[in-house]
N, C-alpha and C. Protein backbone atom coordinates (compact mmCIF):
# COMPACT_ATOMS: atom_id res chain seq x y z
N MET A 1 -77.77 81.42 212.43
CA MET A 1 -76.70 81.19 213.36
C MET A 1 -75.46 81.94 212.89
N HIS A 2 -74.83 82.66 213.78
CA HIS A 2 -73.64 83.42 213.44
C HIS A 2 -72.40 82.63 213.83
N THR A 3 -71.39 82.75 212.98
CA THR A 3 -70.10 82.15 213.31
C THR A 3 -69.04 83.23 213.20
N SER A 4 -68.08 83.20 214.07
CA SER A 4 -67.03 84.20 214.06
C SER A 4 -65.97 83.83 213.06
N THR A 5 -65.46 84.82 212.34
CA THR A 5 -64.36 84.59 211.42
C THR A 5 -63.13 85.34 211.89
N GLY A 6 -63.10 85.73 213.14
CA GLY A 6 -61.99 86.50 213.68
C GLY A 6 -60.65 85.84 213.48
N ALA A 7 -60.57 84.53 213.67
CA ALA A 7 -59.30 83.83 213.50
C ALA A 7 -58.85 83.89 212.05
N ALA A 8 -59.81 83.80 211.13
CA ALA A 8 -59.46 83.84 209.71
C ALA A 8 -58.94 85.21 209.29
N LEU A 9 -59.25 86.22 210.06
CA LEU A 9 -58.80 87.57 209.71
C LEU A 9 -57.42 87.89 210.25
N ARG A 10 -56.81 86.94 210.93
CA ARG A 10 -55.44 87.06 211.44
C ARG A 10 -55.19 88.37 212.17
N GLY A 11 -55.87 88.53 213.29
CA GLY A 11 -55.60 89.68 214.14
C GLY A 11 -56.39 90.92 213.78
N LYS A 12 -57.19 90.87 212.74
CA LYS A 12 -58.02 92.01 212.38
C LYS A 12 -59.29 91.98 213.22
N PRO A 13 -60.05 93.07 213.25
CA PRO A 13 -61.27 93.10 214.06
C PRO A 13 -62.20 91.95 213.71
N GLU A 14 -62.89 91.46 214.72
CA GLU A 14 -63.77 90.32 214.54
C GLU A 14 -64.98 90.69 213.69
N VAL A 15 -65.35 89.79 212.80
CA VAL A 15 -66.51 89.98 211.94
C VAL A 15 -67.44 88.79 212.16
N GLU A 16 -68.73 89.07 212.36
CA GLU A 16 -69.70 88.00 212.46
C GLU A 16 -70.36 87.86 211.11
N LEU A 17 -70.43 86.62 210.62
CA LEU A 17 -71.05 86.36 209.33
C LEU A 17 -72.04 85.23 209.45
N ASN A 18 -73.13 85.34 208.73
CA ASN A 18 -74.03 84.23 208.58
C ASN A 18 -73.34 83.27 207.63
N ALA A 19 -73.49 81.98 207.83
CA ALA A 19 -72.82 80.99 207.00
C ALA A 19 -73.14 81.18 205.52
N LYS A 20 -74.33 81.67 205.18
CA LYS A 20 -74.72 81.90 203.80
C LYS A 20 -73.87 82.97 203.14
N HIS A 21 -73.27 83.87 203.88
CA HIS A 21 -72.55 85.02 203.33
C HIS A 21 -71.18 84.66 202.78
N GLU A 22 -70.62 83.55 203.19
CA GLU A 22 -69.24 83.28 202.85
C GLU A 22 -69.00 83.19 201.35
N SER A 23 -70.02 82.82 200.57
CA SER A 23 -69.85 82.78 199.13
C SER A 23 -70.75 83.82 198.47
N SER A 24 -70.98 84.91 199.16
CA SER A 24 -71.95 85.89 198.71
C SER A 24 -71.38 86.82 197.67
N THR A 25 -72.07 87.92 197.47
CA THR A 25 -71.77 88.85 196.40
C THR A 25 -70.39 89.49 196.56
N PRO A 26 -69.77 89.85 195.43
CA PRO A 26 -68.47 90.51 195.50
C PRO A 26 -68.52 91.82 196.28
N ILE A 27 -69.63 92.56 196.17
CA ILE A 27 -69.70 93.84 196.89
C ILE A 27 -69.70 93.60 198.39
N LEU A 28 -70.34 92.54 198.87
CA LEU A 28 -70.32 92.24 200.31
C LEU A 28 -68.90 91.92 200.75
N THR A 29 -68.18 91.16 199.95
CA THR A 29 -66.79 90.84 200.26
C THR A 29 -65.95 92.11 200.31
N THR A 30 -66.15 93.00 199.35
CA THR A 30 -65.43 94.28 199.32
C THR A 30 -65.71 95.08 200.58
N VAL A 31 -66.99 95.16 200.95
CA VAL A 31 -67.39 95.91 202.15
C VAL A 31 -66.72 95.33 203.39
N LEU A 32 -66.82 94.02 203.58
CA LEU A 32 -66.27 93.39 204.79
C LEU A 32 -64.76 93.53 204.85
N ASN A 33 -64.08 93.38 203.72
CA ASN A 33 -62.62 93.54 203.70
C ASN A 33 -62.22 94.98 204.01
N SER A 34 -62.95 95.93 203.45
CA SER A 34 -62.64 97.34 203.71
C SER A 34 -62.85 97.69 205.18
N LEU A 35 -63.95 97.22 205.76
CA LEU A 35 -64.20 97.49 207.18
C LEU A 35 -63.11 96.88 208.06
N SER A 36 -62.68 95.70 207.71
CA SER A 36 -61.60 95.05 208.46
C SER A 36 -60.30 95.84 208.33
N ASP A 37 -59.97 96.25 207.11
CA ASP A 37 -58.75 97.03 206.89
C ASP A 37 -58.77 98.36 207.64
N ALA A 38 -59.98 98.95 207.78
CA ALA A 38 -60.11 100.25 208.45
C ALA A 38 -60.24 100.10 209.97
N LYS A 39 -60.11 98.87 210.46
CA LYS A 39 -60.17 98.58 211.89
C LYS A 39 -61.54 98.93 212.50
N ALA A 40 -62.60 98.73 211.69
CA ALA A 40 -63.96 98.88 212.22
C ALA A 40 -64.16 97.82 213.30
N GLU A 41 -64.96 98.15 214.28
CA GLU A 41 -65.17 97.25 215.41
C GLU A 41 -66.57 96.64 215.38
N ASN A 42 -66.68 95.44 215.96
CA ASN A 42 -67.97 94.76 216.11
C ASN A 42 -68.76 94.72 214.81
N VAL A 43 -68.13 94.26 213.75
CA VAL A 43 -68.76 94.19 212.44
C VAL A 43 -69.71 93.00 212.41
N VAL A 44 -70.96 93.26 212.01
CA VAL A 44 -71.97 92.22 211.93
C VAL A 44 -72.62 92.31 210.56
N SER A 45 -72.72 91.16 209.89
CA SER A 45 -73.40 91.09 208.60
C SER A 45 -74.71 90.35 208.80
N ILE A 46 -75.79 90.92 208.28
CA ILE A 46 -77.12 90.35 208.45
C ILE A 46 -77.70 90.05 207.07
N ASP A 47 -78.15 88.82 206.87
CA ASP A 47 -78.78 88.40 205.62
C ASP A 47 -80.22 88.91 205.62
N LEU A 48 -80.54 89.78 204.68
CA LEU A 48 -81.88 90.35 204.60
C LEU A 48 -82.77 89.64 203.58
N ARG A 49 -82.20 88.71 202.84
CA ARG A 49 -82.99 88.03 201.80
C ARG A 49 -84.17 87.31 202.45
N GLY A 50 -85.33 87.54 201.90
CA GLY A 50 -86.55 86.94 202.42
C GLY A 50 -87.19 87.75 203.54
N LYS A 51 -86.51 88.80 204.02
CA LYS A 51 -87.05 89.64 205.09
C LYS A 51 -87.57 90.97 204.56
N THR A 52 -86.89 91.50 203.53
CA THR A 52 -87.25 92.82 202.99
C THR A 52 -86.71 92.95 201.58
N SER A 53 -87.23 93.90 200.85
CA SER A 53 -86.75 94.14 199.49
C SER A 53 -85.75 95.30 199.43
N ILE A 54 -85.37 95.87 200.59
CA ILE A 54 -84.47 97.02 200.58
C ILE A 54 -83.03 96.65 200.22
N GLY A 55 -82.67 95.39 200.34
CA GLY A 55 -81.33 94.95 200.01
C GLY A 55 -81.17 93.49 200.38
N ASP A 56 -80.03 92.92 199.99
CA ASP A 56 -79.74 91.51 200.29
C ASP A 56 -79.01 91.35 201.62
N HIS A 57 -78.20 92.34 201.98
CA HIS A 57 -77.39 92.25 203.19
C HIS A 57 -77.31 93.61 203.87
N MET A 58 -77.23 93.58 205.19
CA MET A 58 -76.98 94.78 205.97
C MET A 58 -75.73 94.52 206.79
N VAL A 59 -74.83 95.47 206.78
CA VAL A 59 -73.61 95.36 207.57
C VAL A 59 -73.61 96.51 208.56
N VAL A 60 -73.39 96.17 209.83
CA VAL A 60 -73.36 97.17 210.90
C VAL A 60 -71.98 97.11 211.53
N ALA A 61 -71.37 98.28 211.72
CA ALA A 61 -70.02 98.35 212.29
C ALA A 61 -69.90 99.59 213.17
N SER A 62 -68.89 99.59 214.01
CA SER A 62 -68.64 100.73 214.89
C SER A 62 -67.25 101.29 214.64
N GLY A 63 -67.15 102.61 214.85
CA GLY A 63 -65.87 103.28 214.91
C GLY A 63 -65.71 103.83 216.32
N ARG A 64 -64.50 104.05 216.76
CA ARG A 64 -64.25 104.47 218.14
C ARG A 64 -64.63 105.91 218.42
N SER A 65 -64.68 106.74 217.38
CA SER A 65 -64.96 108.17 217.53
C SER A 65 -65.57 108.68 216.23
N GLN A 66 -65.99 109.94 216.23
CA GLN A 66 -66.51 110.52 215.00
C GLN A 66 -65.46 110.49 213.90
N ARG A 67 -64.24 110.80 214.25
CA ARG A 67 -63.14 110.79 213.27
C ARG A 67 -62.93 109.40 212.70
N HIS A 68 -62.99 108.37 213.56
CA HIS A 68 -62.81 107.00 213.10
C HIS A 68 -63.98 106.57 212.21
N VAL A 69 -65.22 106.92 212.58
CA VAL A 69 -66.40 106.60 211.77
C VAL A 69 -66.24 107.23 210.38
N GLY A 70 -65.83 108.50 210.33
CA GLY A 70 -65.63 109.17 209.05
C GLY A 70 -64.54 108.53 208.21
N ALA A 71 -63.45 108.14 208.86
CA ALA A 71 -62.34 107.50 208.14
C ALA A 71 -62.76 106.13 207.60
N ILE A 72 -63.52 105.36 208.38
CA ILE A 72 -64.02 104.06 207.92
C ILE A 72 -64.90 104.26 206.69
N ALA A 73 -65.82 105.22 206.78
CA ALA A 73 -66.74 105.48 205.66
C ALA A 73 -65.97 105.96 204.43
N ASP A 74 -65.04 106.89 204.60
CA ASP A 74 -64.25 107.39 203.47
C ASP A 74 -63.47 106.27 202.79
N GLN A 75 -62.85 105.41 203.60
CA GLN A 75 -62.07 104.30 203.05
C GLN A 75 -62.98 103.33 202.30
N LEU A 76 -64.18 103.05 202.85
CA LEU A 76 -65.11 102.15 202.18
C LEU A 76 -65.59 102.76 200.85
N LEU A 77 -65.90 104.04 200.86
CA LEU A 77 -66.34 104.69 199.62
C LEU A 77 -65.26 104.64 198.55
N LYS A 78 -64.02 104.88 198.94
CA LYS A 78 -62.90 104.81 197.99
C LYS A 78 -62.75 103.39 197.44
N LYS A 79 -62.86 102.40 198.32
CA LYS A 79 -62.72 101.00 197.89
C LYS A 79 -63.85 100.61 196.94
N LEU A 80 -65.08 101.06 197.24
CA LEU A 80 -66.20 100.76 196.34
C LEU A 80 -65.97 101.39 194.97
N LYS A 81 -65.52 102.63 194.94
CA LYS A 81 -65.23 103.31 193.66
C LYS A 81 -64.12 102.59 192.92
N ASP A 82 -63.06 102.21 193.64
CA ASP A 82 -61.91 101.55 193.02
C ASP A 82 -62.27 100.19 192.42
N THR A 83 -63.29 99.54 192.97
CA THR A 83 -63.70 98.23 192.46
C THR A 83 -64.87 98.33 191.47
N GLY A 84 -65.17 99.57 191.03
CA GLY A 84 -66.17 99.75 189.98
C GLY A 84 -67.59 99.96 190.45
N HIS A 85 -67.83 100.04 191.74
CA HIS A 85 -69.17 100.27 192.26
C HIS A 85 -69.37 101.78 192.39
N ARG A 86 -70.26 102.31 191.60
CA ARG A 86 -70.45 103.76 191.60
C ARG A 86 -71.86 104.17 191.99
N ASP A 87 -72.78 103.26 191.98
CA ASP A 87 -74.18 103.61 192.25
C ASP A 87 -74.51 103.37 193.72
N PHE A 88 -74.17 104.34 194.56
CA PHE A 88 -74.49 104.23 195.98
C PHE A 88 -74.84 105.60 196.53
N ARG A 89 -75.54 105.59 197.65
CA ARG A 89 -75.94 106.83 198.32
C ARG A 89 -75.32 106.86 199.71
N VAL A 90 -75.00 108.06 200.17
CA VAL A 90 -74.34 108.24 201.46
C VAL A 90 -75.11 109.26 202.28
N GLU A 91 -75.33 108.95 203.55
CA GLU A 91 -75.98 109.88 204.47
C GLU A 91 -75.13 109.96 205.74
N GLY A 92 -75.05 111.11 206.34
CA GLY A 92 -74.43 111.26 207.65
C GLY A 92 -72.96 111.59 207.71
N LEU A 93 -72.31 111.74 206.57
CA LEU A 93 -70.87 112.01 206.60
C LEU A 93 -70.48 113.32 207.29
N PRO A 94 -71.24 114.38 207.18
CA PRO A 94 -70.80 115.61 207.85
C PRO A 94 -70.65 115.47 209.37
N HIS A 95 -71.52 114.72 210.02
CA HIS A 95 -71.49 114.61 211.48
C HIS A 95 -70.76 113.37 211.98
N CYS A 96 -70.82 112.28 211.22
CA CYS A 96 -70.09 111.04 211.53
C CYS A 96 -70.49 110.38 212.85
N ASP A 97 -71.73 110.57 213.29
CA ASP A 97 -72.24 109.77 214.40
C ASP A 97 -72.77 108.45 213.87
N TRP A 98 -73.40 108.53 212.69
CA TRP A 98 -73.97 107.37 212.01
C TRP A 98 -73.88 107.65 210.52
N VAL A 99 -73.09 106.87 209.82
CA VAL A 99 -72.96 107.01 208.38
C VAL A 99 -73.62 105.82 207.72
N LEU A 100 -74.51 106.10 206.77
CA LEU A 100 -75.21 105.08 206.02
C LEU A 100 -74.69 105.09 204.60
N ILE A 101 -74.29 103.93 204.10
CA ILE A 101 -73.87 103.78 202.71
C ILE A 101 -74.76 102.71 202.11
N ASP A 102 -75.59 103.11 201.15
CA ASP A 102 -76.55 102.21 200.52
C ASP A 102 -76.08 101.94 199.10
N SER A 103 -75.63 100.71 198.86
CA SER A 103 -75.17 100.35 197.52
C SER A 103 -76.23 99.58 196.76
N GLY A 104 -77.43 99.49 197.31
CA GLY A 104 -78.49 98.71 196.67
C GLY A 104 -78.57 97.33 197.29
N ASP A 105 -77.63 96.45 196.94
CA ASP A 105 -77.63 95.09 197.48
C ASP A 105 -77.13 95.03 198.91
N VAL A 106 -76.19 95.90 199.25
CA VAL A 106 -75.59 95.90 200.59
C VAL A 106 -75.78 97.28 201.20
N ILE A 107 -76.33 97.31 202.40
CA ILE A 107 -76.54 98.55 203.14
C ILE A 107 -75.58 98.52 204.32
N VAL A 108 -74.75 99.55 204.44
CA VAL A 108 -73.73 99.60 205.49
C VAL A 108 -74.05 100.74 206.45
N HIS A 109 -74.03 100.42 207.74
CA HIS A 109 -74.20 101.42 208.80
C HIS A 109 -72.92 101.44 209.61
N VAL A 110 -72.31 102.60 209.74
CA VAL A 110 -71.12 102.76 210.59
C VAL A 110 -71.49 103.76 211.68
N PHE A 111 -71.41 103.31 212.93
CA PHE A 111 -71.88 104.08 214.08
C PHE A 111 -70.74 104.39 215.05
N ARG A 112 -70.94 105.45 215.83
CA ARG A 112 -70.21 105.57 217.09
C ARG A 112 -70.89 104.58 218.04
N PRO A 113 -70.17 103.97 218.98
CA PRO A 113 -70.76 102.90 219.82
C PRO A 113 -72.04 103.29 220.56
N ASP A 114 -72.11 104.50 221.13
CA ASP A 114 -73.31 104.86 221.88
C ASP A 114 -74.52 105.06 220.97
N VAL A 115 -74.31 105.54 219.76
CA VAL A 115 -75.40 105.70 218.80
C VAL A 115 -75.87 104.33 218.33
N ARG A 116 -74.93 103.43 218.08
CA ARG A 116 -75.27 102.07 217.67
C ARG A 116 -76.10 101.37 218.75
N GLU A 117 -75.69 101.53 219.99
CA GLU A 117 -76.42 100.90 221.09
C GLU A 117 -77.84 101.45 221.18
N PHE A 118 -78.01 102.75 220.97
CA PHE A 118 -79.33 103.37 221.05
C PHE A 118 -80.28 102.81 219.98
N TYR A 119 -79.82 102.70 218.73
CA TYR A 119 -80.69 102.25 217.64
C TYR A 119 -80.80 100.73 217.56
N ASN A 120 -79.78 100.01 217.95
CA ASN A 120 -79.80 98.55 218.04
C ASN A 120 -80.38 97.88 216.78
N LEU A 121 -79.85 98.23 215.62
CA LEU A 121 -80.34 97.69 214.36
C LEU A 121 -80.19 96.17 214.27
N GLU A 122 -79.16 95.63 214.88
CA GLU A 122 -78.96 94.18 214.82
C GLU A 122 -80.16 93.43 215.39
N LYS A 123 -80.68 93.91 216.50
CA LYS A 123 -81.82 93.24 217.12
C LYS A 123 -83.04 93.33 216.21
N MET A 124 -83.22 94.50 215.58
CA MET A 124 -84.38 94.70 214.72
C MET A 124 -84.34 93.80 213.48
N TRP A 125 -83.16 93.64 212.89
CA TRP A 125 -83.06 92.95 211.61
C TRP A 125 -82.56 91.51 211.69
N SER A 126 -82.04 91.07 212.82
CA SER A 126 -81.48 89.73 212.91
C SER A 126 -82.52 88.65 213.14
N GLY A 127 -83.71 89.02 213.56
CA GLY A 127 -84.74 88.02 213.84
C GLY A 127 -85.15 87.27 212.59
N ASP A 128 -85.73 86.10 212.80
CA ASP A 128 -86.22 85.30 211.69
C ASP A 128 -87.43 85.96 211.06
N ARG A 129 -87.63 85.66 209.82
CA ARG A 129 -88.80 86.18 209.09
C ARG A 129 -90.06 85.59 209.71
N PRO A 130 -91.08 86.43 209.94
CA PRO A 130 -92.33 85.89 210.50
C PRO A 130 -92.94 84.88 209.54
N THR A 131 -93.53 83.85 210.09
CA THR A 131 -94.15 82.83 209.25
C THR A 131 -95.62 83.18 209.06
N GLU A 132 -96.15 82.76 207.94
CA GLU A 132 -97.56 82.98 207.63
C GLU A 132 -98.40 82.03 208.48
N PRO A 133 -99.51 82.50 209.03
CA PRO A 133 -100.39 81.59 209.78
C PRO A 133 -101.02 80.59 208.83
N VAL A 134 -101.15 79.38 209.31
CA VAL A 134 -101.77 78.32 208.50
C VAL A 134 -103.27 78.40 208.68
N VAL A 135 -103.97 78.55 207.56
CA VAL A 135 -105.44 78.61 207.60
C VAL A 135 -105.97 77.25 207.19
N ALA A 136 -106.75 76.66 208.09
CA ALA A 136 -107.27 75.31 207.81
C ALA A 136 -108.64 75.35 207.19
């Protein structure tokens, strides 16, 4: 279940968080704060624990244009470096339609809105983990 924290951000872009995330890793907090400061839009955090081993959290956000997507990504990379996080990989910065920042525990996707709509990662990753069939 997602709850909005828009009011808590005092006028900053709305962020959707799973209730489990509120006391989560420092890197997730850094990512969400940086996205909010950069005026990223429609920020959604998805708990991946128990769904995949690629990371603990996925954050999906939009920028209004290629320039905004690039600025959001640049600001996030600077913030990660400033807080001591150095082991991450970046894809897509030259074109800025979709920038992926993989820090290991937190995977961040910053999209232009039409590209985000096309790939619809939230739908793919937000579903519940499939349950094992019971064998009697």
